[in-house]
Protein backbone atom coordinates (compact mmCIF):
# COMPACT_ATOMS: atom_id res chain seq x y z
CA UNK A 1 75.31 114.71 45.84
CA UNK A 2 78.01 112.62 44.23
CA UNK A 3 76.68 110.04 41.75
CA UNK A 4 77.77 107.05 43.84
CA UNK A 5 76.42 108.37 47.15
CA UNK A 6 72.93 106.82 47.04
CA UNK A 7 74.22 103.64 45.38
CA UNK A 8 76.71 103.13 48.22
CA UNK A 9 74.08 103.77 50.89
CA UNK A 10 71.62 101.39 49.23
CA UNK A 11 74.23 98.60 49.03
CA UNK A 12 75.46 98.72 52.63
CA UNK A 13 74.59 96.19 55.32
CA UNK A 14 75.35 98.83 57.96
CA UNK A 15 72.64 100.71 59.81
CA UNK A 16 71.73 103.98 58.14
CA UNK A 17 70.75 106.89 60.38
CA UNK A 18 69.40 110.13 58.97
CA UNK A 19 69.15 113.05 61.37
CA UNK A 20 66.64 115.82 60.72
CA UNK A 21 65.34 113.99 57.64
CA UNK A 22 61.70 113.32 58.42
CA UNK A 23 60.57 116.14 56.12
CA UNK A 24 62.57 114.69 53.22
CA UNK A 25 61.87 111.04 54.03
CA UNK A 26 59.86 110.40 50.86
CA UNK A 27 62.86 111.56 48.78
CA UNK A 28 65.35 109.54 50.86
CA UNK A 29 63.31 106.37 50.36
CA UNK A 30 62.82 107.13 46.65
CA UNK A 31 66.59 107.54 46.17
CA UNK A 32 67.43 104.37 48.08
CA UNK A 33 64.75 102.41 46.22
CA UNK A 34 65.95 103.75 42.86
CA UNK A 35 69.41 102.46 43.77
CA UNK A 36 68.08 98.98 44.60
CA UNK A 37 68.11 98.89 48.39
CA UNK A 38 66.63 95.62 49.64
CA UNK A 39 62.88 96.02 50.13
CA UNK A 40 62.94 93.81 53.24
CA UNK A 41 65.14 96.27 55.15
CA UNK A 42 63.53 97.64 58.27
CA UNK A 43 62.76 101.32 58.72
CA UNK A 44 61.96 103.26 61.88
CA UNK A 45 61.08 106.91 62.33
CA UNK A 46 61.47 108.05 65.93
CA UNK A 47 59.20 111.07 66.24
CA UNK A 48 59.98 113.61 69.00
CA UNK A 49 63.00 111.44 69.78
CA UNK A 50 64.16 111.22 73.42
CA UNK A 51 61.20 113.22 74.78
CA UNK A 52 58.25 111.92 76.85
CA UNK A 53 56.14 112.33 73.68
CA UNK A 54 58.38 109.99 71.64
CA UNK A 55 56.63 107.70 69.18
CA UNK A 56 58.33 105.05 67.03
CA UNK A 57 56.84 104.16 63.66
CA UNK A 58 58.35 101.09 61.99
CA UNK A 59 57.90 99.28 58.73
CA UNK A 60 59.80 97.53 55.99
CA UNK A 61 60.85 99.52 52.96
CA UNK A 62 58.47 97.35 50.93
CA UNK A 63 55.54 98.66 53.03
CA UNK A 64 56.74 102.27 53.24
CA UNK A 65 54.37 103.61 50.56
CA UNK A 66 51.26 102.17 52.21
CA UNK A 67 52.24 102.81 55.84
CA UNK A 68 54.28 106.03 56.01
CA UNK A 69 54.63 107.83 52.69
CA UNK A 70 53.52 111.45 52.92
CA UNK A 71 53.17 111.38 56.70
CA UNK A 72 54.31 114.47 58.58
CA UNK A 73 56.39 113.70 61.66
CA UNK A 74 56.89 116.07 64.57
CA UNK A 75 60.50 117.12 65.18
CA UNK A 76 62.92 116.19 66.46
CA UNK A 77 62.70 112.99 64.43
CA UNK A 78 65.36 110.51 63.45
CA UNK A 79 65.21 107.95 60.63
CA UNK A 80 66.87 104.55 61.11
CA UNK A 81 67.19 101.90 58.40
CA UNK A 82 68.66 98.47 59.07
CA UNK A 83 68.63 95.35 61.22
CA UNK A 84 68.84 97.29 64.48
CA UNK A 85 65.20 98.37 64.03
CA UNK A 86 64.18 94.79 64.88
CA UNK A 87 65.51 95.33 68.41
CA UNK A 88 63.02 98.10 69.18
CA UNK A 89 60.34 95.82 70.62
CA UNK A 90 62.83 94.07 72.89
CA UNK A 91 64.67 97.13 74.17
CA UNK A 92 62.10 99.93 73.97
CA UNK A 93 63.05 102.09 76.94
CA UNK A 94 60.25 104.58 76.38
CA UNK A 95 56.71 103.54 75.45
CA UNK A 96 55.00 105.21 72.49
CA UNK A 97 53.12 108.28 73.64
CA UNK A 98 50.48 108.29 70.89
CA UNK A 99 50.30 112.06 71.45
CA UNK A 100 50.21 114.56 68.60
CA UNK A 101 51.19 117.44 70.89
CA UNK A 102 54.47 119.27 70.43
CA UNK A 103 56.99 118.75 73.23
CA UNK A 104 59.15 121.67 72.06
CA UNK A 105 57.68 125.01 71.13
CA UNK A 106 57.91 125.22 67.32
CA UNK A 107 60.16 127.93 65.96
CA UNK A 108 58.62 130.17 63.34
CA UNK A 109 55.46 129.23 61.56
CA UNK A 110 54.37 125.67 60.99
CA UNK A 111 52.74 124.42 57.82
CA UNK A 112 49.00 124.06 58.23
CA UNK A 113 48.17 120.68 59.70
CA UNK A 114 46.00 118.42 57.61
CA UNK A 115 42.63 117.80 59.20
CA UNK A 116 43.63 114.14 59.43
CA UNK A 117 46.85 114.95 61.31
CA UNK A 118 45.08 115.87 64.59
CA UNK A 119 48.23 117.66 65.75
CA UNK A 120 47.61 119.70 68.89
CA UNK A 121 49.37 122.90 69.77
CA UNK A 122 52.70 122.58 71.48
CA UNK A 123 53.15 121.78 75.13
CA UNK A 124 55.63 124.04 76.83
CA UNK A 125 57.98 122.08 79.08
CA UNK A 126 60.38 124.99 79.64
């Protein structure tokens, strides 16, 4: 990426939204942190977004390492960074499912789940 890309993202007051980035989230946060993003910015990962198995994980960037770093999220997941994350509690239109089942049948092979992941096999809704 262009040298100023991460610096510009880290400096913005706009909401940042990263689609299909849950697998590279550690790197995204590392790049933003290296470019001096404010550690009090809010972060949300919406796992299995827009499905009945949706689960929202939220934190500040300052707490990312202790609360989310290295976590594997089930797709489709979306990453949101900014003030809008604070509105989740007020406007949550879908409660967290707390399920580790797959809503969509995974394509291809999945990496082996850690024993601590407790991810169940997919649930076919088709």
